[in-house]
Protein backbone atom coordinates (compact mmCIF):
# COMPACT_ATOMS: atom_id res chain seq x y z
CA UNK A 1 26.99 -14.67 3.17
CA UNK A 2 26.57 -11.02 3.86
CA UNK A 3 24.22 -9.79 6.58
CA UNK A 4 21.63 -7.22 6.16
CA UNK A 5 22.48 -3.58 6.47
CA UNK A 6 21.48 -1.91 9.77
CA UNK A 7 18.43 0.34 9.87
CA UNK A 8 19.50 4.01 10.37
CA UNK A 9 17.48 6.12 12.75
CA UNK A 10 17.59 9.78 13.76
CA UNK A 11 15.19 12.21 15.23
CA UNK A 12 13.72 13.26 11.77
CA UNK A 13 12.64 9.80 10.58
CA UNK A 14 11.48 8.65 14.06
CA UNK A 15 9.28 11.79 14.34
CA UNK A 16 8.13 11.38 10.70
CA UNK A 17 6.85 7.92 11.11
CA UNK A 18 5.37 8.80 14.50
CA UNK A 19 2.99 11.15 12.59
CA UNK A 20 1.56 7.98 11.08
CA UNK A 21 1.42 6.18 14.47
CA UNK A 22 4.24 3.86 13.44
CA UNK A 23 7.00 2.84 15.80
CA UNK A 24 10.51 2.07 14.61
CA UNK A 25 10.31 -1.57 15.66
CA UNK A 26 7.14 -2.08 13.46
CA UNK A 27 9.03 -0.60 10.44
CA UNK A 28 11.92 -2.90 11.09
CA UNK A 29 9.56 -5.89 11.39
CA UNK A 30 8.25 -5.22 7.96
CA UNK A 31 11.72 -4.46 6.69
CA UNK A 32 13.02 -7.86 7.95
CA UNK A 33 10.39 -9.85 6.26
CA UNK A 34 8.45 -7.90 3.56
CA UNK A 35 5.60 -9.65 1.61
CA UNK A 36 6.38 -7.65 -1.41
CA UNK A 37 9.26 -5.26 -2.48
CA UNK A 38 9.38 -2.63 -5.19
CA UNK A 39 12.09 -0.33 -6.30
CA UNK A 40 11.18 3.33 -7.31
CA UNK A 41 14.10 5.48 -8.32
CA UNK A 42 16.58 5.26 -5.48
CA UNK A 43 14.01 4.10 -2.95
CA UNK A 44 12.70 0.62 -1.95
CA UNK A 45 8.96 0.20 -1.08
CA UNK A 46 8.45 -2.74 1.41
CA UNK A 47 4.91 -3.94 1.72
CA UNK A 48 4.39 -6.14 4.68
CA UNK A 49 2.72 -7.10 7.91
CA UNK A 50 3.86 -6.72 11.50
CA UNK A 51 3.68 -9.60 14.01
CA UNK A 52 0.46 -7.91 15.39
CA UNK A 53 -1.15 -8.13 11.86
CA UNK A 54 -0.78 -4.41 10.90
CA UNK A 55 -0.25 -3.90 7.11
CA UNK A 56 2.37 -1.23 6.52
CA UNK A 57 4.21 0.38 3.64
CA UNK A 58 7.80 1.13 4.54
CA UNK A 59 9.98 3.26 2.25
CA UNK A 60 13.80 3.38 2.69
CA UNK A 61 16.95 4.62 0.83
CA UNK A 62 20.42 2.99 0.97
CA UNK A 63 22.82 5.25 2.73
CA UNK A 64 26.44 4.67 3.87
CA UNK A 65 26.20 2.41 6.93
CA UNK A 66 22.80 1.04 6.36
CA UNK A 67 19.08 1.53 5.23
CA UNK A 68 17.47 4.85 6.12
CA UNK A 69 13.70 4.81 6.69
CA UNK A 70 12.05 7.64 4.77
CA UNK A 71 8.46 6.94 5.60
CA UNK A 72 6.17 4.23 7.02
CA UNK A 73 2.46 4.24 7.21
CA UNK A 74 -0.73 1.90 7.18
CA UNK A 75 -1.54 0.64 3.79
CA UNK A 76 -4.71 1.96 2.14
CA UNK A 77 -7.44 -0.62 1.48
CA UNK A 78 -6.65 -0.81 -2.16
CA UNK A 79 -2.97 -1.34 -1.42
CA UNK A 80 -3.77 -4.10 1.07
CA UNK A 81 -6.02 -5.76 -1.52
CA UNK A 82 -3.27 -5.63 -4.13
CA UNK A 83 -0.55 -7.08 -1.86
CA UNK A 84 -3.04 -9.82 -0.72
CA UNK A 85 -3.65 -10.64 -4.41
CA UNK A 86 0.06 -10.61 -5.27
CA UNK A 87 1.20 -12.78 -2.29
CA UNK A 88 -1.86 -14.94 -1.64
CA UNK A 89 -2.14 -13.70 1.90
């Protein structure tokens, strides 16, 4: 069984998600156990909840060596409602 690819971090994506008050560990929590996953073009949208109960949308792309976080932010109320409806949470 293959393990999951590592999360790739650099100054750009750490600073970018910080603009939305998201920490790398929170994005990784959602990425490790998403409630719902969608693919859009070459990107993956992970809809999930942190261990503290924060609903986040995390977007990443596959890159050599791992998964590169492009963005992470709190879900909008409508997005949260949609995910709750789809997952029963």
